[in-house]
């Protein structure tokens, strides 16, 4: 591997293009050398902005001797195959969430890493890198809240074209909270129920109740067409107090008889710091041929919970969350 980490990016849509910009302008020791997208014109535009070239296919990019590590930001259905290809090539990868469309495909990625004996793929659960969420987790871990009883989560988008089905809202949007709650509490989801007040048409919003192995409960409201903007909230309630994400500092205005703060609609801008910190940490680890962020096992577990959630939404009843046994490669403290 060269002294500069040469990164190839698969997918030049909104997420991939933003990752290229961040890697190029805000992450030291990194050069984006190749970009691939089925839309060649789009790939060319993004690659030229970074001083890189356009690959002829995702497979050629992964196998290129000009690429040390890979960012996977292509459609969800391609993630598992591309992650497995990166493992086979021995190249560290950051795979946007979800790791796979199904839990079985996610497990296939886990098994590929286990067979290799190395962790090479990090899953893009960027909320773990958000300063607010990191502070919230540290507060929980300190014991200051006492024993955690409840976690409340809100996840609203102004509108969404990617989460266009009831199951898609669970696997494409709610999956963030399905990972975040387990990470915040250092616990496992063992049961889930999801309901929606909408009986006909797209079941949006959705309200989930998560049962944790340690006894806590979590609520997750996801509303992907809330209309007014992008809004993420989280509050942890314990026996000795509560802690919640604080709204980001903004400018309050009084215009045309209205006193308030504007609500943005761009999730990328909302989590800009999280993405920058995530990519910086990933690049640092990838330069050493490793990964130290959310693992493929974390991605698999989120997929398992999401599949149970879809079954609960469709069937209308609480579903248990069952998964394979955690391999030793993903034991706490393992690298």
C-alpha atoms as a PDB file:
ATOM      1  CA  UNK A   1       0.000   0.000   0.000  1.00  0.00           C
ATOM      2  CA  UNK A   2       1.317   3.464  -0.905  1.00  0.00           C
ATOM      3  CA  UNK A   3       1.939   6.215   1.671  1.00  0.00           C
ATOM      4  CA  UNK A   4      -1.228   7.928   0.390  1.00  0.00           C
ATOM      5  CA  UNK A   5      -4.358   5.804   0.723  1.00  0.00           C
ATOM      6  CA  UNK A   6      -5.749   5.447  -2.781  1.00  0.00           C
ATOM      7  CA  UNK A   7      -9.516   5.089  -2.569  1.00  0.00           C
ATOM      8  CA  UNK A   8     -11.940   3.855  -5.194  1.00  0.00           C
ATOM      9  CA  UNK A   9     -15.600   4.820  -4.833  1.00  0.00           C
ATOM     10  CA  UNK A  10     -18.401   2.670  -6.236  1.00  0.00           C
ATOM     11  CA  UNK A  11     -21.516   4.776  -6.736  1.00  0.00           C
ATOM     12  CA  UNK A  12     -21.550   8.456  -7.709  1.00  0.00           C
ATOM     13  CA  UNK A  13     -25.030   9.366  -6.520  1.00  0.00           C
ATOM     14  CA  UNK A  14     -25.719  11.874  -3.745  1.00  0.00           C
ATOM     15  CA  UNK A  15     -24.055   9.757  -1.054  1.00  0.00           C
ATOM     16  CA  UNK A  16     -21.091   8.629  -3.141  1.00  0.00           C
ATOM     17  CA  UNK A  17     -20.443  12.112  -4.497  1.00  0.00           C
ATOM     18  CA  UNK A  18     -20.520  13.570  -1.004  1.00  0.00           C
ATOM     19  CA  UNK A  19     -18.064  10.927   0.217  1.00  0.00           C
ATOM     20  CA  UNK A  20     -15.737  11.809  -2.671  1.00  0.00           C
ATOM     21  CA  UNK A  21     -15.905  15.505  -1.741  1.00  0.00           C
ATOM     22  CA  UNK A  22     -15.235  14.769   1.918  1.00  0.00           C
ATOM     23  CA  UNK A  23     -12.354  12.395   1.198  1.00  0.00           C
ATOM     24  CA  UNK A  24     -10.817  14.904  -1.198  1.00  0.00           C
ATOM     25  CA  UNK A  25     -11.208  18.049   0.886  1.00  0.00           C
ATOM     26  CA  UNK A  26     -11.324  17.008   4.538  1.00  0.00           C
ATOM     27  CA  UNK A  27      -9.508  13.683   5.055  1.00  0.00           C
ATOM     28  CA  UNK A  28      -5.689  13.875   5.115  1.00  0.00           C
ATOM     29  CA  UNK A  29      -3.523  11.264   3.422  1.00  0.00           C
ATOM     30  CA  UNK A  30      -6.208  10.163   0.955  1.00  0.00           C
ATOM     31  CA  UNK A  31      -6.565  10.404  -2.819  1.00  0.00           C
ATOM     32  CA  UNK A  32      -9.687   9.310  -4.693  1.00  0.00           C
ATOM     33  CA  UNK A  33      -8.144   7.581  -7.697  1.00  0.00           C
ATOM     34  CA  UNK A  34     -11.118   5.822  -9.334  1.00  0.00           C
ATOM     35  CA  UNK A  35     -14.899   6.193  -9.422  1.00  0.00           C
ATOM     36  CA  UNK A  36     -17.488   3.876 -10.921  1.00  0.00           C
ATOM     37  CA  UNK A  37     -21.176   4.417 -11.568  1.00  0.00           C
ATOM     38  CA  UNK A  38     -23.557   2.955 -14.141  1.00  0.00           C
ATOM     39  CA  UNK A  39     -24.183   6.569 -15.148  1.00  0.00           C
ATOM     40  CA  UNK A  40     -20.855   7.169 -16.882  1.00  0.00           C
ATOM     41  CA  UNK A  41     -21.460  10.896 -17.263  1.00  0.00           C
ATOM     42  CA  UNK A  42     -22.113  11.235 -13.547  1.00  0.00           C
ATOM     43  CA  UNK A  43     -19.052   9.115 -12.686  1.00  0.00           C
ATOM     44  CA  UNK A  44     -16.896  11.265 -14.972  1.00  0.00           C
ATOM     45  CA  UNK A  45     -18.091  14.476 -13.363  1.00  0.00           C
ATOM     46  CA  UNK A  46     -17.426  13.206  -9.824  1.00  0.00           C
ATOM     47  CA  UNK A  47     -14.061  11.621 -10.713  1.00  0.00           C
ATOM     48  CA  UNK A  48     -12.785  14.752 -12.473  1.00  0.00           C
ATOM     49  CA  UNK A  49     -13.671  16.872  -9.454  1.00  0.00           C
ATOM     50  CA  UNK A  50     -11.383  14.645  -7.364  1.00  0.00           C
ATOM     51  CA  UNK A  51      -8.611  14.294  -9.919  1.00  0.00           C
ATOM     52  CA  UNK A  52      -9.385  10.601 -10.422  1.00  0.00           C
ATOM     53  CA  UNK A  53     -10.360   8.404 -13.347  1.00  0.00           C
ATOM     54  CA  UNK A  54     -13.496   6.462 -14.268  1.00  0.00           C
ATOM     55  CA  UNK A  55     -13.465   2.677 -13.850  1.00  0.00           C
ATOM     56  CA  UNK A  56     -15.215   0.481 -16.409  1.00  0.00           C
ATOM     57  CA  UNK A  57     -16.928  -1.644 -13.747  1.00  0.00           C
ATOM     58  CA  UNK A  58     -17.178  -2.043  -9.985  1.00  0.00           C
ATOM     59  CA  UNK A  59     -15.213  -5.277 -10.233  1.00  0.00           C
ATOM     60  CA  UNK A  60     -12.402  -3.604 -12.197  1.00  0.00           C
ATOM     61  CA  UNK A  61     -12.245  -0.825  -9.608  1.00  0.00           C
ATOM     62  CA  UNK A  62     -11.959  -3.296  -6.736  1.00  0.00           C
ATOM     63  CA  UNK A  63      -9.231  -5.207  -8.559  1.00  0.00           C
ATOM     64  CA  UNK A  64      -7.323  -2.135  -9.713  1.00  0.00           C
ATOM     65  CA  UNK A  65      -3.693  -1.758  -8.659  1.00  0.00           C
ATOM     66  CA  UNK A  66      -4.453   1.957  -8.303  1.00  0.00           C
ATOM     67  CA  UNK A  67      -6.953   1.318  -5.508  1.00  0.00           C
ATOM     68  CA  UNK A  68      -5.952   0.406  -1.942  1.00  0.00           C
ATOM     69  CA  UNK A  69      -9.377   0.671  -0.320  1.00  0.00           C
ATOM     70  CA  UNK A  70     -12.985   0.954  -1.465  1.00  0.00           C
ATOM     71  CA  UNK A  71     -16.066   2.956  -0.528  1.00  0.00           C
ATOM     72  CA  UNK A  72     -19.301   1.200  -1.514  1.00  0.00           C
ATOM     73  CA  UNK A  73     -22.080   3.734  -2.063  1.00  0.00           C
ATOM     74  CA  UNK A  74     -24.012   1.938  -4.794  1.00  0.00           C
ATOM     75  CA  UNK A  75     -27.650   0.709  -4.588  1.00  0.00           C
ATOM     76  CA  UNK A  76     -28.438  -1.447  -1.546  1.00  0.00           C
ATOM     77  CA  UNK A  77     -28.936  -4.604  -3.607  1.00  0.00           C
ATOM     78  CA  UNK A  78     -25.271  -4.519  -4.715  1.00  0.00           C
ATOM     79  CA  UNK A  79     -23.689  -4.076  -1.283  1.00  0.00           C
ATOM     80  CA  UNK A  80     -23.231  -7.703  -0.237  1.00  0.00           C
ATOM     81  CA  UNK A  81     -21.623  -8.858  -3.495  1.00  0.00           C
ATOM     82  CA  UNK A  82     -19.281  -5.878  -3.600  1.00  0.00           C
ATOM     83  CA  UNK A  83     -18.295  -6.323   0.049  1.00  0.00           C
ATOM     84  CA  UNK A  84     -17.478  -9.984  -0.590  1.00  0.00           C
ATOM     85  CA  UNK A  85     -15.421  -8.955  -3.640  1.00  0.00           C
ATOM     86  CA  UNK A  86     -13.420  -6.513  -1.493  1.00  0.00           C
ATOM     87  CA  UNK A  87     -12.767  -9.254   1.062  1.00  0.00           C
ATOM     88  CA  UNK A  88     -11.619 -11.606  -1.699  1.00  0.00           C
ATOM     89  CA  UNK A  89      -9.264  -8.890  -2.964  1.00  0.00           C
ATOM     90  CA  UNK A  90      -7.954  -8.255   0.559  1.00  0.00           C
ATOM     91  CA  UNK A  91      -8.948  -4.576   0.424  1.00  0.00           C
ATOM     92  CA  UNK A  92     -10.514  -2.612   3.288  1.00  0.00           C
ATOM     93  CA  UNK A  93     -13.959  -1.266   2.466  1.00  0.00           C
ATOM     94  CA  UNK A  94     -16.495   1.156   3.872  1.00  0.00           C
ATOM     95  CA  UNK A  95     -19.923  -0.138   2.882  1.00  0.00           C
ATOM     96  CA  UNK A  96     -22.851   2.234   3.203  1.00  0.00           C
ATOM     97  CA  UNK A  97     -25.789   0.907   5.197  1.00  0.00           C
ATOM     98  CA  UNK A  98     -27.432  -1.504   4.929  1.00  0.00           C
ATOM     99  CA  UNK A  99     -24.750  -4.144   4.557  1.00  0.00           C
ATOM    100  CA  UNK A 100     -27.220  -6.223   2.544  1.00  0.00           C
ATOM    101  CA  UNK A 101     -30.874  -6.386   1.579  1.00  0.00           C
ATOM    102  CA  UNK A 102     -31.432  -9.603   3.542  1.00  0.00           C
ATOM    103  CA  UNK A 103     -29.950 -11.035   6.713  1.00  0.00           C
ATOM    104  CA  UNK A 104     -28.849 -14.118   4.774  1.00  0.00           C
ATOM    105  CA  UNK A 105     -26.809 -11.996   2.361  1.00  0.00           C
ATOM    106  CA  UNK A 106     -25.321 -10.047   5.276  1.00  0.00           C
ATOM    107  CA  UNK A 107     -24.336 -13.336   6.908  1.00  0.00           C
ATOM    108  CA  UNK A 108     -22.596 -14.283   3.657  1.00  0.00           C
ATOM    109  CA  UNK A 109     -20.344 -11.225   4.072  1.00  0.00           C
ATOM    110  CA  UNK A 110     -19.655 -12.176   7.695  1.00  0.00           C
ATOM    111  CA  UNK A 111     -18.745 -15.716   6.641  1.00  0.00           C
ATOM    112  CA  UNK A 112     -16.358 -14.399   3.975  1.00  0.00           C
ATOM    113  CA  UNK A 113     -14.483 -12.387   6.606  1.00  0.00           C
ATOM    114  CA  UNK A 114     -14.448 -15.306   9.034  1.00  0.00           C
ATOM    115  CA  UNK A 115     -13.001 -17.556   6.313  1.00  0.00           C
ATOM    116  CA  UNK A 116     -10.293 -14.964   5.643  1.00  0.00           C
ATOM    117  CA  UNK A 117      -9.638 -14.491   9.363  1.00  0.00           C
ATOM    118  CA  UNK A 118      -9.577 -10.677   9.072  1.00  0.00           C
ATOM    119  CA  UNK A 119     -12.086  -7.851   9.451  1.00  0.00           C
ATOM    120  CA  UNK A 120     -11.925  -5.729   6.315  1.00  0.00           C
ATOM    121  CA  UNK A 121     -15.403  -4.243   5.909  1.00  0.00           C
ATOM    122  CA  UNK A 122     -16.828  -1.381   7.952  1.00  0.00           C
ATOM    123  CA  UNK A 123     -20.554  -0.604   7.734  1.00  0.00           C
ATOM    124  CA  UNK A 124     -21.608   3.030   7.319  1.00  0.00           C
ATOM    125  CA  UNK A 125     -23.561   3.509  10.544  1.00  0.00           C
ATOM    126  CA  UNK A 126     -22.260   7.064  10.756  1.00  0.00           C
ATOM    127  CA  UNK A 127     -24.370   8.063  13.770  1.00  0.00           C
ATOM    128  CA  UNK A 128     -21.798   6.287  15.937  1.00  0.00           C
ATOM    129  CA  UNK A 129     -19.375   9.052  14.893  1.00  0.00           C
ATOM    130  CA  UNK A 130     -21.749  11.969  15.407  1.00  0.00           C
ATOM    131  CA  UNK A 131     -20.457  14.137  18.285  1.00  0.00           C
ATOM    132  CA  UNK A 132     -23.925  14.342  19.842  1.00  0.00           C
ATOM    133  CA  UNK A 133     -24.533  10.603  19.761  1.00  0.00           C
ATOM    134  CA  UNK A 134     -20.975   9.933  20.979  1.00  0.00           C
ATOM    135  CA  UNK A 135     -21.569  12.246  23.967  1.00  0.00           C
ATOM    136  CA  UNK A 136     -24.908  10.553  24.630  1.00  0.00           C
ATOM    137  CA  UNK A 137     -23.267   7.120  24.645  1.00  0.00           C
ATOM    138  CA  UNK A 138     -20.530   8.333  26.990  1.00  0.00           C
ATOM    139  CA  UNK A 139     -23.200   9.683  29.349  1.00  0.00           C
ATOM    140  CA  UNK A 140     -24.995   6.327  29.374  1.00  0.00           C
ATOM    141  CA  UNK A 141     -21.732   4.433  29.897  1.00  0.00           C
ATOM    142  CA  UNK A 142     -20.767   6.692  32.820  1.00  0.00           C
ATOM    143  CA  UNK A 143     -23.709   5.413  34.856  1.00  0.00           C
ATOM    144  CA  UNK A 144     -24.936   8.950  35.527  1.00  0.00           C
ATOM    145  CA  UNK A 145     -28.436   8.072  34.333  1.00  0.00           C
ATOM    146  CA  UNK A 146     -28.703   5.046  36.586  1.00  0.00           C
ATOM    147  CA  UNK A 147     -30.277   1.980  35.038  1.00  0.00           C
ATOM    148  CA  UNK A 148     -31.616   2.721  31.561  1.00  0.00           C
ATOM    149  CA  UNK A 149     -35.309   1.983  31.237  1.00  0.00           C
ATOM    150  CA  UNK A 150     -36.397   3.584  27.942  1.00  0.00           C
ATOM    151  CA  UNK A 151     -34.856   5.078  24.809  1.00  0.00           C
ATOM    152  CA  UNK A 152     -37.005   7.322  22.602  1.00  0.00           C
ATOM    153  CA  UNK A 153     -36.031   7.901  18.969  1.00  0.00           C
ATOM    154  CA  UNK A 154     -37.492  10.134  16.264  1.00  0.00           C
ATOM    155  CA  UNK A 155     -36.355   9.974  12.622  1.00  0.00           C
ATOM    156  CA  UNK A 156     -38.221  12.198  10.156  1.00  0.00           C
ATOM    157  CA  UNK A 157     -37.505  13.189   6.557  1.00  0.00           C
ATOM    158  CA  UNK A 158     -39.205  15.926   4.585  1.00  0.00           C
ATOM    159  CA  UNK A 159     -39.744  13.366   1.808  1.00  0.00           C
ATOM    160  CA  UNK A 160     -38.168  10.178   0.550  1.00  0.00           C
ATOM    161  CA  UNK A 161     -38.048   8.419  -2.800  1.00  0.00           C
ATOM    162  CA  UNK A 162     -35.736   5.605  -1.657  1.00  0.00           C
ATOM    163  CA  UNK A 163     -37.931   4.314   1.187  1.00  0.00           C
ATOM    164  CA  UNK A 164     -41.028   3.905  -0.964  1.00  0.00           C
ATOM    165  CA  UNK A 165     -42.537   0.786   0.623  1.00  0.00           C
ATOM    166  CA  UNK A 166     -43.464  -0.221   4.152  1.00  0.00           C
ATOM    167  CA  UNK A 167     -40.665  -2.806   4.381  1.00  0.00           C
ATOM    168  CA  UNK A 168     -38.312  -0.322   2.676  1.00  0.00           C
ATOM    169  CA  UNK A 169     -38.860   2.206   5.470  1.00  0.00           C
ATOM    170  CA  UNK A 170     -37.707  -0.429   7.964  1.00  0.00           C
ATOM    171  CA  UNK A 171     -34.695  -1.697   6.006  1.00  0.00           C
ATOM    172  CA  UNK A 172     -33.635   1.632   4.490  1.00  0.00           C
ATOM    173  CA  UNK A 173     -34.410   4.228   7.176  1.00  0.00           C
ATOM    174  CA  UNK A 174     -35.255   2.650  10.542  1.00  0.00           C
ATOM    175  CA  UNK A 175     -32.184   0.427  10.281  1.00  0.00           C
ATOM    176  CA  UNK A 176     -30.147   3.383  11.582  1.00  0.00           C
ATOM    177  CA  UNK A 177     -32.018   3.282  14.898  1.00  0.00           C
ATOM    178  CA  UNK A 178     -31.954  -0.513  14.982  1.00  0.00           C
ATOM    179  CA  UNK A 179     -28.160  -0.244  15.103  1.00  0.00           C
ATOM    180  CA  UNK A 180     -27.938   2.922  17.194  1.00  0.00           C
ATOM    181  CA  UNK A 181     -30.051   1.699  20.127  1.00  0.00           C
ATOM    182  CA  UNK A 182     -28.024  -1.516  20.444  1.00  0.00           C
ATOM    183  CA  UNK A 183     -24.791   0.501  20.283  1.00  0.00           C
ATOM    184  CA  UNK A 184     -25.935   3.152  22.776  1.00  0.00           C
ATOM    185  CA  UNK A 185     -26.893   0.553  25.367  1.00  0.00           C
ATOM    186  CA  UNK A 186     -24.250  -2.025  24.456  1.00  0.00           C
ATOM    187  CA  UNK A 187     -27.100  -4.512  24.316  1.00  0.00           C
ATOM    188  CA  UNK A 188     -29.020  -6.717  21.869  1.00  0.00           C
ATOM    189  CA  UNK A 189     -32.535  -6.310  20.464  1.00  0.00           C
ATOM    190  CA  UNK A 190     -34.473  -9.496  21.255  1.00  0.00           C
ATOM    191  CA  UNK A 191     -37.992  -8.524  20.204  1.00  0.00           C
ATOM    192  CA  UNK A 192     -39.700  -5.968  17.958  1.00  0.00           C
ATOM    193  CA  UNK A 193     -43.160  -4.696  17.124  1.00  0.00           C
ATOM    194  CA  UNK A 194     -43.925  -2.164  14.379  1.00  0.00           C
ATOM    195  CA  UNK A 195     -47.250  -0.480  13.707  1.00  0.00           C
ATOM    196  CA  UNK A 196     -48.530   2.332  11.499  1.00  0.00           C
ATOM    197  CA  UNK A 197     -51.643   4.489  11.751  1.00  0.00           C
ATOM    198  CA  UNK A 198     -51.951   4.326   7.949  1.00  0.00           C
ATOM    199  CA  UNK A 199     -54.034   1.346   6.896  1.00  0.00           C
ATOM    200  CA  UNK A 200     -54.239   1.986   3.132  1.00  0.00           C
ATOM    201  CA  UNK A 201     -51.255   3.010   1.043  1.00  0.00           C
ATOM    202  CA  UNK A 202     -47.718   3.559   2.273  1.00  0.00           C
ATOM    203  CA  UNK A 203     -47.563   2.778   6.030  1.00  0.00           C
ATOM    204  CA  UNK A 204     -45.817   6.016   6.960  1.00  0.00           C
ATOM    205  CA  UNK A 205     -45.182   6.981   9.752  1.00  0.00           C
ATOM    206  CA  UNK A 206     -44.204   3.817  11.584  1.00  0.00           C
ATOM    207  CA  UNK A 207     -43.790   3.284  15.318  1.00  0.00           C
ATOM    208  CA  UNK A 208     -41.557   0.486  16.571  1.00  0.00           C
ATOM    209  CA  UNK A 209     -41.083  -0.900  20.058  1.00  0.00           C
ATOM    210  CA  UNK A 210     -37.793  -2.676  20.658  1.00  0.00           C
ATOM    211  CA  UNK A 211     -37.221  -5.086  23.538  1.00  0.00           C
ATOM    212  CA  UNK A 212     -33.615  -5.225  24.714  1.00  0.00           C
ATOM    213  CA  UNK A 213     -31.943  -8.261  26.254  1.00  0.00           C
ATOM    214  CA  UNK A 214     -31.139  -6.222  29.383  1.00  0.00           C
ATOM    215  CA  UNK A 215     -34.790  -5.326  29.939  1.00  0.00           C
ATOM    216  CA  UNK A 216     -34.946  -1.792  28.544  1.00  0.00           C
ATOM    217  CA  UNK A 217     -37.486  -0.724  25.936  1.00  0.00           C
ATOM    218  CA  UNK A 218     -36.938   1.604  22.987  1.00  0.00           C
ATOM    219  CA  UNK A 219     -39.411   3.420  20.810  1.00  0.00           C
ATOM    220  CA  UNK A 220     -38.608   4.413  17.237  1.00  0.00           C
ATOM    221  CA  UNK A 221     -40.828   6.739  15.231  1.00  0.00           C
ATOM    222  CA  UNK A 222     -39.878   6.916  11.561  1.00  0.00           C
ATOM    223  CA  UNK A 223     -41.760   9.316   9.292  1.00  0.00           C
ATOM    224  CA  UNK A 224     -40.084   9.529   5.892  1.00  0.00           C
ATOM    225  CA  UNK A 225     -42.579  12.008   4.406  1.00  0.00           C
ATOM    226  CA  UNK A 226     -43.066  14.355   7.350  1.00  0.00           C
ATOM    227  CA  UNK A 227     -43.004  17.352   5.040  1.00  0.00           C
ATOM    228  CA  UNK A 228     -41.449  19.964   7.291  1.00  0.00           C
ATOM    229  CA  UNK A 229     -37.784  18.888   7.196  1.00  0.00           C
ATOM    230  CA  UNK A 230     -35.125  16.478   8.468  1.00  0.00           C
ATOM    231  CA  UNK A 231     -35.393  15.875  12.197  1.00  0.00           C
ATOM    232  CA  UNK A 232     -33.530  13.324  14.346  1.00  0.00           C
ATOM    233  CA  UNK A 233     -33.976  13.081  18.113  1.00  0.00           C
ATOM    234  CA  UNK A 234     -32.928  10.654  20.818  1.00  0.00           C
ATOM    235  CA  UNK A 235     -33.567  10.619  24.568  1.00  0.00           C
ATOM    236  CA  UNK A 236     -32.328   8.024  27.053  1.00  0.00           C
ATOM    237  CA  UNK A 237     -34.374   7.697  30.246  1.00  0.00           C
ATOM    238  CA  UNK A 238     -32.798   6.129  33.321  1.00  0.00           C
ATOM    239  CA  UNK A 239     -33.614   5.644  36.972  1.00  0.00           C
ATOM    240  CA  UNK A 240     -31.435   8.635  37.959  1.00  0.00           C
ATOM    241  CA  UNK A 241     -32.079  11.056  35.104  1.00  0.00           C
ATOM    242  CA  UNK A 242     -32.367  11.544  31.363  1.00  0.00           C
ATOM    243  CA  UNK A 243     -30.079  12.636  28.541  1.00  0.00           C
ATOM    244  CA  UNK A 244     -31.063  13.762  25.054  1.00  0.00           C
ATOM    245  CA  UNK A 245     -29.497  15.065  21.884  1.00  0.00           C
ATOM    246  CA  UNK A 246     -29.494  18.857  21.923  1.00  0.00           C
ATOM    247  CA  UNK A 247     -30.585  20.780  18.798  1.00  0.00           C
ATOM    248  CA  UNK A 248     -27.673  22.022  16.746  1.00  0.00           C
ATOM    249  CA  UNK A 249     -26.898  25.739  17.258  1.00  0.00           C
ATOM    250  CA  UNK A 250     -28.698  27.842  14.673  1.00  0.00           C
ATOM    251  CA  UNK A 251     -29.957  31.345  14.015  1.00  0.00           C
ATOM    252  CA  UNK A 252     -33.374  32.271  15.349  1.00  0.00           C
ATOM    253  CA  UNK A 253     -35.314  34.692  13.162  1.00  0.00           C
ATOM    254  CA  UNK A 254     -38.405  36.825  13.485  1.00  0.00           C
ATOM    255  CA  UNK A 255     -39.839  37.376  10.024  1.00  0.00           C
ATOM    256  CA  UNK A 256     -43.396  38.006   8.858  1.00  0.00           C
ATOM    257  CA  UNK A 257     -44.791  37.445  12.315  1.00  0.00           C
ATOM    258  CA  UNK A 258     -43.002  34.126  12.845  1.00  0.00           C
ATOM    259  CA  UNK A 259     -40.393  33.574  15.569  1.00  0.00           C
ATOM    260  CA  UNK A 260     -38.349  30.400  15.101  1.00  0.00           C
ATOM    261  CA  UNK A 261     -35.451  28.389  13.743  1.00  0.00           C
ATOM    262  CA  UNK A 262     -35.455  26.913  10.255  1.00  0.00           C
ATOM    263  CA  UNK A 263     -35.521  23.114   9.945  1.00  0.00           C
ATOM    264  CA  UNK A 264     -33.195  21.868   7.206  1.00  0.00           C
ATOM    265  CA  UNK A 265     -34.178  19.022   4.890  1.00  0.00           C
ATOM    266  CA  UNK A 266     -30.712  17.670   3.970  1.00  0.00           C
ATOM    267  CA  UNK A 267     -29.608  14.650   6.024  1.00  0.00           C
ATOM    268  CA  UNK A 268     -26.081  14.825   4.577  1.00  0.00           C
ATOM    269  CA  UNK A 269     -25.651  18.378   5.882  1.00  0.00           C
ATOM    270  CA  UNK A 270     -27.222  17.413   9.237  1.00  0.00           C
ATOM    271  CA  UNK A 271     -24.618  14.681   9.759  1.00  0.00           C
ATOM    272  CA  UNK A 272     -21.713  16.362   7.938  1.00  0.00           C
ATOM    273  CA  UNK A 273     -19.444  16.126  10.992  1.00  0.00           C
ATOM    274  CA  UNK A 274     -20.363  12.480  11.497  1.00  0.00           C
ATOM    275  CA  UNK A 275     -19.505  11.591   7.895  1.00  0.00           C
ATOM    276  CA  UNK A 276     -16.195  13.474   8.077  1.00  0.00           C
ATOM    277  CA  UNK A 277     -15.178  11.829  11.352  1.00  0.00           C
ATOM    278  CA  UNK A 278     -16.318   8.427  10.091  1.00  0.00           C
ATOM    279  CA  UNK A 279     -14.331   8.691   6.850  1.00  0.00           C
ATOM    280  CA  UNK A 280     -11.243   9.982   8.662  1.00  0.00           C
ATOM    281  CA  UNK A 281     -11.310   7.099  11.152  1.00  0.00           C
ATOM    282  CA  UNK A 282     -11.946   4.569   8.391  1.00  0.00           C
ATOM    283  CA  UNK A 283      -9.099   5.889   6.226  1.00  0.00           C
ATOM    284  CA  UNK A 284      -6.687   5.801   9.165  1.00  0.00           C
ATOM    285  CA  UNK A 285      -7.547   2.156   9.881  1.00  0.00           C
ATOM    286  CA  UNK A 286      -7.618   1.218   6.188  1.00  0.00           C
ATOM    287  CA  UNK A 287      -4.097   2.607   5.775  1.00  0.00           C
ATOM    288  CA  UNK A 288      -3.025  -0.100   8.228  1.00  0.00           C
ATOM    289  CA  UNK A 289      -5.056  -2.708   6.332  1.00  0.00           C
ATOM    290  CA  UNK A 290      -7.653  -2.954   9.087  1.00  0.00           C
ATOM    291  CA  UNK A 291     -11.057  -1.688  10.191  1.00  0.00           C
ATOM    292  CA  UNK A 292     -12.113  -0.539  13.661  1.00  0.00           C
ATOM    293  CA  UNK A 293     -15.635   0.813  13.125  1.00  0.00           C
ATOM    294  CA  UNK A 294     -19.045  -0.896  12.869  1.00  0.00           C
ATOM    295  CA  UNK A 295     -18.400  -4.445  11.709  1.00  0.00           C
ATOM    296  CA  UNK A 296     -20.118  -6.756   9.274  1.00  0.00           C
ATOM    297  CA  UNK A 297     -21.517  -8.503  12.354  1.00  0.00           C
ATOM    298  CA  UNK A 298     -23.137  -5.208  13.374  1.00  0.00           C
ATOM    299  CA  UNK A 299     -24.529  -4.937   9.856  1.00  0.00           C
ATOM    300  CA  UNK A 300     -25.827  -8.503   9.984  1.00  0.00           C
ATOM    301  CA  UNK A 301     -27.495  -7.962  13.367  1.00  0.00           C
ATOM    302  CA  UNK A 302     -29.221  -4.819  12.084  1.00  0.00           C
ATOM    303  CA  UNK A 303     -30.482  -6.790   9.083  1.00  0.00           C
ATOM    304  CA  UNK A 304     -31.794  -9.525  11.377  1.00  0.00           C
ATOM    305  CA  UNK A 305     -33.699  -6.996  13.493  1.00  0.00           C
ATOM    306  CA  UNK A 306     -35.010  -5.279  10.353  1.00  0.00           C
ATOM    307  CA  UNK A 307     -36.308  -8.566   8.922  1.00  0.00           C
ATOM    308  CA  UNK A 308     -38.116  -9.300  12.173  1.00  0.00           C
ATOM    309  CA  UNK A 309     -39.480  -5.749  12.046  1.00  0.00           C
ATOM    310  CA  UNK A 310     -40.834  -6.233   8.532  1.00  0.00           C
ATOM    311  CA  UNK A 311     -42.540  -9.444   9.663  1.00  0.00           C
ATOM    312  CA  UNK A 312     -44.036  -7.559  12.617  1.00  0.00           C
ATOM    313  CA  UNK A 313     -45.277  -4.745  10.367  1.00  0.00           C
ATOM    314  CA  UNK A 314     -46.876  -7.160   7.904  1.00  0.00           C
ATOM    315  CA  UNK A 315     -48.238  -9.611  10.462  1.00  0.00           C
ATOM    316  CA  UNK A 316     -49.269  -7.122  13.126  1.00  0.00           C
ATOM    317  CA  UNK A 317     -47.681  -9.007  16.035  1.00  0.00           C
ATOM    318  CA  UNK A 318     -44.509  -8.843  18.085  1.00  0.00           C
ATOM    319  CA  UNK A 319     -41.641 -10.814  16.553  1.00  0.00           C
ATOM    320  CA  UNK A 320     -38.644 -12.370  18.313  1.00  0.00           C
ATOM    321  CA  UNK A 321     -35.184 -11.475  16.990  1.00  0.00           C
ATOM    322  CA  UNK A 322     -33.080 -14.566  16.398  1.00  0.00           C
ATOM    323  CA  UNK A 323     -29.651 -14.713  14.806  1.00  0.00           C
ATOM    324  CA  UNK A 324     -26.644 -16.929  14.252  1.00  0.00           C
ATOM    325  CA  UNK A 325     -23.992 -17.188  16.968  1.00  0.00           C
ATOM    326  CA  UNK A 326     -21.420 -14.387  17.054  1.00  0.00           C
ATOM    327  CA  UNK A 327     -18.074 -15.614  15.619  1.00  0.00           C
ATOM    328  CA  UNK A 328     -14.940 -15.087  17.692  1.00  0.00           C
ATOM    329  CA  UNK A 329     -13.663 -12.640  15.040  1.00  0.00           C
ATOM    330  CA  UNK A 330     -16.254 -10.152  16.282  1.00  0.00           C
ATOM    331  CA  UNK A 331     -15.777 -10.651  20.006  1.00  0.00           C
ATOM    332  CA  UNK A 332     -15.400  -7.483  22.074  1.00  0.00           C
ATOM    333  CA  UNK A 333     -11.857  -6.197  21.678  1.00  0.00           C
ATOM    334  CA  UNK A 334     -11.123  -8.428  18.655  1.00  0.00           C
ATOM    335  CA  UNK A 335      -9.481  -6.896  15.600  1.00  0.00           C
END
